[in-house]
Amino acid sequence: MGLLSLVSNLFQAYTLVLVVYALLSWLPGARESALGQFIVKIARPYLDIFDRFIPPLGGISFNVIIAIFVLRFIRDGLIWILAAILF
């Protein structure tokens, strides 16, 4: 059960990074702080995948929401596969 918890916690932590990234866009100058730059470096590579395929609608980007759904789908699939292998 330890490996499954670890995988789940890692995905949960990255989901939190994506949520914080989205919240930083609401705060002026937040992305220029040291923490903001760190969050951007971690989140942008994954979000860039979605930026290529999904344009903003009305000037609002829904890529973070879609990225979180995809991340959850991947997490659930990976945990299902690991559980089938381990148990």
PDB file of N, CA and C in Angstrom:
ATOM      1  N   MET A   1       0.819  -1.194   0.000  1.00  0.00           N
ATOM      2  CA  MET A   1       0.000   0.000   0.000  1.00  0.00           C
ATOM      3  C   MET A   1       0.863   1.258   0.000  1.00  0.00           C
ATOM      4  N   GLY A   2       2.104   1.149   0.394  1.00  0.00           N
ATOM      5  CA  GLY A   2       2.977   2.308   0.463  1.00  0.00           C
ATOM      6  C   GLY A   2       3.261   2.931  -0.886  1.00  0.00           C
ATOM      7  N   LEU A   3       3.490   2.101  -1.904  1.00  0.00           N
ATOM      8  CA  LEU A   3       3.776   2.620  -3.242  1.00  0.00           C
ATOM      9  C   LEU A   3       2.566   3.335  -3.819  1.00  0.00           C
ATOM     10  N   LEU A   4       1.384   2.780  -3.606  1.00  0.00           N
ATOM     11  CA  LEU A   4       0.168   3.412  -4.111  1.00  0.00           C
ATOM     12  C   LEU A   4      -0.062   4.765  -3.447  1.00  0.00           C
ATOM     13  N   SER A   5       0.188   4.841  -2.157  1.00  0.00           N
ATOM     14  CA  SER A   5       0.048   6.110  -1.438  1.00  0.00           C
ATOM     15  C   SER A   5       1.056   7.129  -1.928  1.00  0.00           C
ATOM     16  N   LEU A   6       2.277   6.691  -2.169  1.00  0.00           N
ATOM     17  CA  LEU A   6       3.317   7.590  -2.664  1.00  0.00           C
ATOM     18  C   LEU A   6       2.937   8.161  -4.023  1.00  0.00           C
ATOM     19  N   VAL A   7       2.502   7.305  -4.926  1.00  0.00           N
ATOM     20  CA  VAL A   7       2.105   7.760  -6.263  1.00  0.00           C
ATOM     21  C   VAL A   7       0.936   8.733  -6.162  1.00  0.00           C
ATOM     22  N   SER A   8      -0.049   8.382  -5.367  1.00  0.00           N
ATOM     23  CA  SER A   8      -1.212   9.249  -5.197  1.00  0.00           C
ATOM     24  C   SER A   8      -0.816  10.600  -4.608  1.00  0.00           C
ATOM     25  N   ASN A   9       0.065  10.590  -3.615  1.00  0.00           N
ATOM     26  CA  ASN A   9       0.510  11.839  -2.988  1.00  0.00           C
ATOM     27  C   ASN A   9       1.316  12.709  -3.943  1.00  0.00           C
ATOM     28  N   LEU A  10       2.127  12.097  -4.791  1.00  0.00           N
ATOM     29  CA  LEU A  10       2.891  12.873  -5.775  1.00  0.00           C
ATOM     30  C   LEU A  10       1.960  13.559  -6.774  1.00  0.00           C
ATOM     31  N   PHE A  11       0.965  12.833  -7.242  1.00  0.00           N
ATOM     32  CA  PHE A  11      -0.002  13.434  -8.159  1.00  0.00           C
ATOM     33  C   PHE A  11      -0.797  14.534  -7.465  1.00  0.00           C
ATOM     34  N   GLN A  12      -1.146  14.324  -6.202  1.00  0.00           N
ATOM     35  CA  GLN A  12      -1.878  15.336  -5.441  1.00  0.00           C
ATOM     36  C   GLN A  12      -1.033  16.597  -5.261  1.00  0.00           C
ATOM     37  N   ALA A  13       0.253  16.423  -4.997  1.00  0.00           N
ATOM     38  CA  ALA A  13       1.143  17.572  -4.837  1.00  0.00           C
ATOM     39  C   ALA A  13       1.247  18.364  -6.138  1.00  0.00           C
ATOM     40  N   TYR A  14       1.348  17.662  -7.270  1.00  0.00           N
ATOM     41  CA  TYR A  14       1.445  18.367  -8.548  1.00  0.00           C
ATOM     42  C   TYR A  14       0.128  19.058  -8.890  1.00  0.00           C
ATOM     43  N   THR A  15      -0.989  18.452  -8.502  1.00  0.00           N
ATOM     44  CA  THR A  15      -2.280  19.112  -8.689  1.00  0.00           C
ATOM     45  C   THR A  15      -2.324  20.404  -7.887  1.00  0.00           C
ATOM     46  N   LEU A  16      -1.797  20.378  -6.684  1.00  0.00           N
ATOM     47  CA  LEU A  16      -1.735  21.582  -5.858  1.00  0.00           C
ATOM     48  C   LEU A  16      -0.866  22.646  -6.518  1.00  0.00           C
ATOM     49  N   VAL A  17       0.238  22.239  -7.124  1.00  0.00           N
ATOM     50  CA  VAL A  17       1.098  23.185  -7.850  1.00  0.00           C
ATOM     51  C   VAL A  17       0.304  23.852  -8.971  1.00  0.00           C
ATOM     52  N   LEU A  18      -0.504  23.085  -9.694  1.00  0.00           N
ATOM     53  CA  LEU A  18      -1.303  23.647 -10.784  1.00  0.00           C
ATOM     54  C   LEU A  18      -2.359  24.623 -10.261  1.00  0.00           C
ATOM     55  N   VAL A  19      -2.965  24.305  -9.128  1.00  0.00           N
ATOM     56  CA  VAL A  19      -3.954  25.209  -8.537  1.00  0.00           C
ATOM     57  C   VAL A  19      -3.285  26.507  -8.094  1.00  0.00           C
ATOM     58  N   VAL A  20      -2.130  26.405  -7.463  1.00  0.00           N
ATOM     59  CA  VAL A  20      -1.398  27.605  -7.040  1.00  0.00           C
ATOM     60  C   VAL A  20      -0.995  28.427  -8.257  1.00  0.00           C
ATOM     61  N   TYR A  21      -0.575  27.773  -9.331  1.00  0.00           N
ATOM     62  CA  TYR A  21      -0.229  28.473 -10.570  1.00  0.00           C
ATOM     63  C   TYR A  21      -1.426  29.280 -11.074  1.00  0.00           C
ATOM     64  N   ALA A  22      -2.606  28.677 -11.060  1.00  0.00           N
ATOM     65  CA  ALA A  22      -3.807  29.382 -11.508  1.00  0.00           C
ATOM     66  C   ALA A  22      -4.116  30.567 -10.597  1.00  0.00           C
ATOM     67  N   LEU A  23      -3.956  30.384  -9.301  1.00  0.00           N
ATOM     68  CA  LEU A  23      -4.234  31.473  -8.362  1.00  0.00           C
ATOM     69  C   LEU A  23      -3.235  32.618  -8.501  1.00  0.00           C
ATOM     70  N   LEU A  24      -2.001  32.298  -8.877  1.00  0.00           N
ATOM     71  CA  LEU A  24      -0.989  33.343  -9.051  1.00  0.00           C
ATOM     72  C   LEU A  24      -1.372  34.318 -10.162  1.00  0.00           C
ATOM     73  N   SER A  25      -2.159  33.861 -11.121  1.00  0.00           N
ATOM     74  CA  SER A  25      -2.552  34.747 -12.220  1.00  0.00           C
ATOM     75  C   SER A  25      -3.516  35.831 -11.741  1.00  0.00           C
ATOM     76  N   TRP A  26      -4.138  35.650 -10.603  1.00  0.00           N
ATOM     77  CA  TRP A  26      -5.062  36.639 -10.072  1.00  0.00           C
ATOM     78  C   TRP A  26      -4.366  37.703  -9.230  1.00  0.00           C
ATOM     79  N   LEU A  27      -3.131  37.454  -8.858  1.00  0.00           N
ATOM     80  CA  LEU A  27      -2.404  38.384  -7.995  1.00  0.00           C
ATOM     81  C   LEU A  27      -1.335  39.109  -8.800  1.00  0.00           C
ATOM     82  N   PRO A  28      -1.439  40.423  -8.913  1.00  0.00           N
ATOM     83  CA  PRO A  28      -0.452  41.163  -9.708  1.00  0.00           C
ATOM     84  C   PRO A  28       0.963  41.002  -9.144  1.00  0.00           C
ATOM     85  N   GLY A  29       1.886  40.632 -10.000  1.00  0.00           N
ATOM     86  CA  GLY A  29       3.283  40.518  -9.614  1.00  0.00           C
ATOM     87  C   GLY A  29       3.634  39.252  -8.854  1.00  0.00           C
ATOM     88  N   ALA A  30       2.673  38.376  -8.625  1.00  0.00           N
ATOM     89  CA  ALA A  30       2.944  37.171  -7.831  1.00  0.00           C
ATOM     90  C   ALA A  30       3.872  36.210  -8.559  1.00  0.00           C
ATOM     91  N   ARG A  31       3.785  36.163  -9.876  1.00  0.00           N
ATOM     92  CA  ARG A  31       4.637  35.236 -10.631  1.00  0.00           C
ATOM     93  C   ARG A  31       6.084  35.715 -10.695  1.00  0.00           C
ATOM     94  N   GLU A  32       6.325  36.958 -10.353  1.00  0.00           N
ATOM     95  CA  GLU A  32       7.693  37.475 -10.364  1.00  0.00           C
ATOM     96  C   GLU A  32       8.424  37.206  -9.055  1.00  0.00           C
ATOM     97  N   SER A  33       7.712  36.762  -8.029  1.00  0.00           N
ATOM     98  CA  SER A  33       8.371  36.441  -6.763  1.00  0.00           C
ATOM     99  C   SER A  33       9.168  35.149  -6.915  1.00  0.00           C
ATOM    100  N   ALA A  34      10.013  34.859  -5.951  1.00  0.00           N
ATOM    101  CA  ALA A  34      10.824  33.638  -6.013  1.00  0.00           C
ATOM    102  C   ALA A  34       9.936  32.395  -6.015  1.00  0.00           C
ATOM    103  N   LEU A  35       8.928  32.380  -5.161  1.00  0.00           N
ATOM    104  CA  LEU A  35       8.007  31.244  -5.127  1.00  0.00           C
ATOM    105  C   LEU A  35       7.222  31.152  -6.434  1.00  0.00           C
ATOM    106  N   GLY A  36       6.784  32.287  -6.941  1.00  0.00           N
ATOM    107  CA  GLY A  36       6.040  32.308  -8.198  1.00  0.00           C
ATOM    108  C   GLY A  36       6.860  31.782  -9.360  1.00  0.00           C
ATOM    109  N   GLN A  37       8.122  32.166  -9.435  1.00  0.00           N
ATOM    110  CA  GLN A  37       8.993  31.680 -10.510  1.00  0.00           C
ATOM    111  C   GLN A  37       9.221  30.177 -10.386  1.00  0.00           C
ATOM    112  N   PHE A  38       9.333  29.693  -9.161  1.00  0.00           N
ATOM    113  CA  PHE A  38       9.500  28.255  -8.937  1.00  0.00           C
ATOM    114  C   PHE A  38       8.258  27.486  -9.396  1.00  0.00           C
ATOM    115  N   ILE A  39       7.087  27.987  -9.037  1.00  0.00           N
ATOM    116  CA  ILE A  39       5.829  27.348  -9.444  1.00  0.00           C
ATOM    117  C   ILE A  39       5.699  27.355 -10.964  1.00  0.00           C
ATOM    118  N   VAL A  40       6.055  28.463 -11.601  1.00  0.00           N
ATOM    119  CA  VAL A  40       5.974  28.562 -13.064  1.00  0.00           C
ATOM    120  C   VAL A  40       6.907  27.546 -13.715  1.00  0.00           C
ATOM    121  N   LYS A  41       8.126  27.405 -13.191  1.00  0.00           N
ATOM    122  CA  LYS A  41       9.077  26.438 -13.762  1.00  0.00           C
ATOM    123  C   LYS A  41       8.567  25.005 -13.659  1.00  0.00           C
ATOM    124  N   ILE A  42       7.839  24.715 -12.613  1.00  0.00           N
ATOM    125  CA  ILE A  42       7.320  23.361 -12.426  1.00  0.00           C
ATOM    126  C   ILE A  42       6.056  23.123 -13.259  1.00  0.00           C
ATOM    127  N   ALA A  43       5.176  24.107 -13.323  1.00  0.00           N
ATOM    128  CA  ALA A  43       3.868  23.916 -13.960  1.00  0.00           C
ATOM    129  C   ALA A  43       3.883  24.118 -15.469  1.00  0.00           C
ATOM    130  N   ARG A  44       4.681  25.048 -15.964  1.00  0.00           N
ATOM    131  CA  ARG A  44       4.616  25.416 -17.384  1.00  0.00           C
ATOM    132  C   ARG A  44       4.893  24.267 -18.350  1.00  0.00           C
ATOM    133  N   PRO A  45       5.880  23.410 -18.132  1.00  0.00           N
ATOM    134  CA  PRO A  45       6.114  22.342 -19.120  1.00  0.00           C
ATOM    135  C   PRO A  45       4.884  21.464 -19.353  1.00  0.00           C
ATOM    136  N   TYR A  46       4.172  21.133 -18.304  1.00  0.00           N
ATOM    137  CA  TYR A  46       2.961  20.319 -18.452  1.00  0.00           C
ATOM    138  C   TYR A  46       1.841  21.123 -19.109  1.00  0.00           C
ATOM    139  N   LEU A  47       1.681  22.378 -18.700  1.00  0.00           N
ATOM    140  CA  LEU A  47       0.609  23.198 -19.258  1.00  0.00           C
ATOM    141  C   LEU A  47       0.861  23.574 -20.713  1.00  0.00           C
ATOM    142  N   ASP A  48       2.122  23.633 -21.118  1.00  0.00           N
ATOM    143  CA  ASP A  48       2.438  23.950 -22.520  1.00  0.00           C
ATOM    144  C   ASP A  48       1.867  22.912 -23.480  1.00  0.00           C
ATOM    145  N   ILE A  49       1.748  21.685 -23.031  1.00  0.00           N
ATOM    146  CA  ILE A  49       1.146  20.637 -23.866  1.00  0.00           C
ATOM    147  C   ILE A  49      -0.276  21.032 -24.243  1.00  0.00           C
ATOM    148  N   PHE A  50      -1.023  21.543 -23.291  1.00  0.00           N
ATOM    149  CA  PHE A  50      -2.417  21.909 -23.528  1.00  0.00           C
ATOM    150  C   PHE A  50      -2.538  23.237 -24.270  1.00  0.00           C
ATOM    151  N   ASP A  51      -1.572  24.132 -24.080  1.00  0.00           N
ATOM    152  CA  ASP A  51      -1.596  25.416 -24.784  1.00  0.00           C
ATOM    153  C   ASP A  51      -1.509  25.237 -26.292  1.00  0.00           C
ATOM    154  N   ARG A  52      -0.830  24.187 -26.737  1.00  0.00           N
ATOM    155  CA  ARG A  52      -0.688  23.944 -28.173  1.00  0.00           C
ATOM    156  C   ARG A  52      -1.998  23.529 -28.824  1.00  0.00           C
ATOM    157  N   PHE A  53      -2.870  22.892 -28.065  1.00  0.00           N
ATOM    158  CA  PHE A  53      -4.079  22.317 -28.653  1.00  0.00           C
ATOM    159  C   PHE A  53      -5.374  23.034 -28.284  1.00  0.00           C
ATOM    160  N   ILE A  54      -5.383  23.734 -27.164  1.00  0.00           N
ATOM    161  CA  ILE A  54      -6.621  24.344 -26.679  1.00  0.00           C
ATOM    162  C   ILE A  54      -6.424  25.859 -26.569  1.00  0.00           C
ATOM    163  N   PRO A  55      -7.031  26.627 -27.469  1.00  0.00           N
ATOM    164  CA  PRO A  55      -6.882  28.082 -27.401  1.00  0.00           C
ATOM    165  C   PRO A  55      -7.762  28.667 -26.284  1.00  0.00           C
ATOM    166  N   PRO A  56      -7.405  29.848 -25.804  1.00  0.00           N
ATOM    167  CA  PRO A  56      -8.252  30.510 -24.803  1.00  0.00           C
ATOM    168  C   PRO A  56      -9.623  30.850 -25.402  1.00  0.00           C
ATOM    169  N   LEU A  57     -10.638  30.795 -24.585  1.00  0.00           N
ATOM    170  CA  LEU A  57     -11.989  31.149 -25.015  1.00  0.00           C
ATOM    171  C   LEU A  57     -12.360  32.491 -24.402  1.00  0.00           C
ATOM    172  N   GLY A  58     -12.555  33.492 -25.241  1.00  0.00           N
ATOM    173  CA  GLY A  58     -12.893  34.815 -24.737  1.00  0.00           C
ATOM    174  C   GLY A  58     -11.801  35.418 -23.883  1.00  0.00           C
ATOM    175  N   GLY A  59     -10.565  35.079 -24.171  1.00  0.00           N
ATOM    176  CA  GLY A  59      -9.442  35.607 -23.407  1.00  0.00           C
ATOM    177  C   GLY A  59      -9.174  34.868 -22.103  1.00  0.00           C
ATOM    178  N   ILE A  60      -9.954  33.847 -21.821  1.00  0.00           N
ATOM    179  CA  ILE A  60      -9.779  33.078 -20.590  1.00  0.00           C
ATOM    180  C   ILE A  60      -9.289  31.683 -20.957  1.00  0.00           C
ATOM    181  N   SER A  61      -8.195  31.281 -20.326  1.00  0.00           N
ATOM    182  CA  SER A  61      -7.633  29.962 -20.588  1.00  0.00           C
ATOM    183  C   SER A  61      -8.169  28.961 -19.566  1.00  0.00           C
ATOM    184  N   PHE A  62      -8.706  27.878 -20.074  1.00  0.00           N
ATOM    185  CA  PHE A  62      -9.211  26.809 -19.214  1.00  0.00           C
ATOM    186  C   PHE A  62      -8.242  25.637 -19.172  1.00  0.00           C
ATOM    187  N   ASN A  63      -7.018  25.874 -19.609  1.00  0.00           N
ATOM    188  CA  ASN A  63      -6.036  24.801 -19.708  1.00  0.00           C
ATOM    189  C   ASN A  63      -5.680  24.188 -18.358  1.00  0.00           C
ATOM    190  N   VAL A  64      -5.653  24.988 -17.310  1.00  0.00           N
ATOM    191  CA  VAL A  64      -5.304  24.446 -15.994  1.00  0.00           C
ATOM    192  C   VAL A  64      -6.372  23.451 -15.539  1.00  0.00           C
ATOM    193  N   ILE A  65      -7.629  23.783 -15.767  1.00  0.00           N
ATOM    194  CA  ILE A  65      -8.715  22.883 -15.370  1.00  0.00           C
ATOM    195  C   ILE A  65      -8.634  21.581 -16.153  1.00  0.00           C
ATOM    196  N   ILE A  66      -8.435  21.692 -17.452  1.00  0.00           N
ATOM    197  CA  ILE A  66      -8.325  20.505 -18.297  1.00  0.00           C
ATOM    198  C   ILE A  66      -7.098  19.691 -17.906  1.00  0.00           C
ATOM    199  N   ALA A  67      -5.987  20.381 -17.620  1.00  0.00           N
ATOM    200  CA  ALA A  67      -4.759  19.688 -17.220  1.00  0.00           C
ATOM    201  C   ALA A  67      -4.960  18.917 -15.920  1.00  0.00           C
ATOM    202  N   ILE A  68      -5.718  19.474 -14.994  1.00  0.00           N
ATOM    203  CA  ILE A  68      -5.988  18.779 -13.732  1.00  0.00           C
ATOM    204  C   ILE A  68      -6.848  17.541 -13.977  1.00  0.00           C
ATOM    205  N   PHE A  69      -7.859  17.660 -14.842  1.00  0.00           N
ATOM    206  CA  PHE A  69      -8.684  16.486 -15.165  1.00  0.00           C
ATOM    207  C   PHE A  69      -7.847  15.382 -15.797  1.00  0.00           C
ATOM    208  N   VAL A  70      -6.979  15.754 -16.727  1.00  0.00           N
ATOM    209  CA  VAL A  70      -6.123  14.760 -17.383  1.00  0.00           C
ATOM    210  C   VAL A  70      -5.168  14.139 -16.365  1.00  0.00           C
ATOM    211  N   LEU A  71      -4.614  14.959 -15.486  1.00  0.00           N
ATOM    212  CA  LEU A  71      -3.703  14.446 -14.460  1.00  0.00           C
ATOM    213  C   LEU A  71      -4.426  13.455 -13.543  1.00  0.00           C
ATOM    214  N   ARG A  72      -5.652  13.761 -13.169  1.00  0.00           N
ATOM    215  CA  ARG A  72      -6.440  12.846 -12.334  1.00  0.00           C
ATOM    216  C   ARG A  72      -6.701  11.532 -13.071  1.00  0.00           C
ATOM    217  N   PHE A  73      -7.017  11.625 -14.357  1.00  0.00           N
ATOM    218  CA  PHE A  73      -7.268  10.435 -15.167  1.00  0.00           C
ATOM    219  C   PHE A  73      -6.015   9.561 -15.226  1.00  0.00           C
ATOM    220  N   ILE A  74      -4.858  10.185 -15.433  1.00  0.00           N
ATOM    221  CA  ILE A  74      -3.590   9.449 -15.479  1.00  0.00           C
ATOM    222  C   ILE A  74      -3.300   8.814 -14.120  1.00  0.00           C
ATOM    223  N   ARG A  75      -3.524   9.575 -13.050  1.00  0.00           N
ATOM    224  CA  ARG A  75      -3.287   9.051 -11.698  1.00  0.00           C
ATOM    225  C   ARG A  75      -4.152   7.822 -11.423  1.00  0.00           C
ATOM    226  N   ASP A  76      -5.435   7.934 -11.736  1.00  0.00           N
ATOM    227  CA  ASP A  76      -6.339   6.808 -11.484  1.00  0.00           C
ATOM    228  C   ASP A  76      -5.935   5.577 -12.292  1.00  0.00           C
ATOM    229  N   GLY A  77      -5.556   5.791 -13.552  1.00  0.00           N
ATOM    230  CA  GLY A  77      -5.123   4.671 -14.384  1.00  0.00           C
ATOM    231  C   GLY A  77      -3.846   4.035 -13.872  1.00  0.00           C
ATOM    232  N   LEU A  78      -2.892   4.869 -13.472  1.00  0.00           N
ATOM    233  CA  LEU A  78      -1.625   4.354 -12.969  1.00  0.00           C
ATOM    234  C   LEU A  78      -1.820   3.587 -11.662  1.00  0.00           C
ATOM    235  N   ILE A  79      -2.651   4.114 -10.785  1.00  0.00           N
ATOM    236  CA  ILE A  79      -2.913   3.422  -9.523  1.00  0.00           C
ATOM    237  C   ILE A  79      -3.631   2.100  -9.783  1.00  0.00           C
ATOM    238  N   TRP A  80      -4.555   2.083 -10.728  1.00  0.00           N
ATOM    239  CA  TRP A  80      -5.256   0.841 -11.067  1.00  0.00           C
ATOM    240  C   TRP A  80      -4.270  -0.205 -11.593  1.00  0.00           C
ATOM    241  N   ILE A  81      -3.359   0.227 -12.470  1.00  0.00           N
ATOM    242  CA  ILE A  81      -2.356  -0.698 -13.017  1.00  0.00           C
ATOM    243  C   ILE A  81      -1.426  -1.201 -11.916  1.00  0.00           C
ATOM    244  N   LEU A  82      -0.941  -0.290 -11.073  1.00  0.00           N
ATOM    245  CA  LEU A  82      -0.048  -0.696  -9.984  1.00  0.00           C
ATOM    246  C   LEU A  82      -0.749  -1.638  -9.009  1.00  0.00           C
ATOM    247  N   ALA A  83      -2.005  -1.361  -8.705  1.00  0.00           N
ATOM    248  CA  ALA A  83      -2.750  -2.234  -7.793  1.00  0.00           C
ATOM    249  C   ALA A  83      -2.925  -3.621  -8.397  1.00  0.00           C
ATOM    250  N   ALA A  84      -3.150  -3.681  -9.705  1.00  0.00           N
ATOM    251  CA  ALA A  84      -3.305  -4.984 -10.367  1.00  0.00           C
ATOM    252  C   ALA A  84      -1.994  -5.762 -10.354  1.00  0.00           C
ATOM    253  N   ILE A  85      -0.888  -5.059 -10.483  1.00  0.00           N
ATOM    254  CA  ILE A  85       0.419  -5.725 -10.487  1.00  0.00           C
ATOM    255  C   ILE A  85       0.817  -6.166  -9.077  1.00  0.00           C
ATOM    256  N   LEU A  86       0.583  -5.297  -8.099  1.00  0.00           N
ATOM    257  CA  LEU A  86       1.050  -5.565  -6.737  1.00  0.00           C
ATOM    258  C   LEU A  86       0.151  -6.511  -5.955  1.00  0.00           C
ATOM    259  N   PHE A  87      -1.127  -6.535  -6.278  1.00  0.00           N
ATOM    260  CA  PHE A  87      -2.043  -7.333  -5.441  1.00  0.00           C
ATOM    261  C   PHE A  87      -2.653  -8.422  -6.230  1.00  0.00           C
TER     262      PHE A  87
END
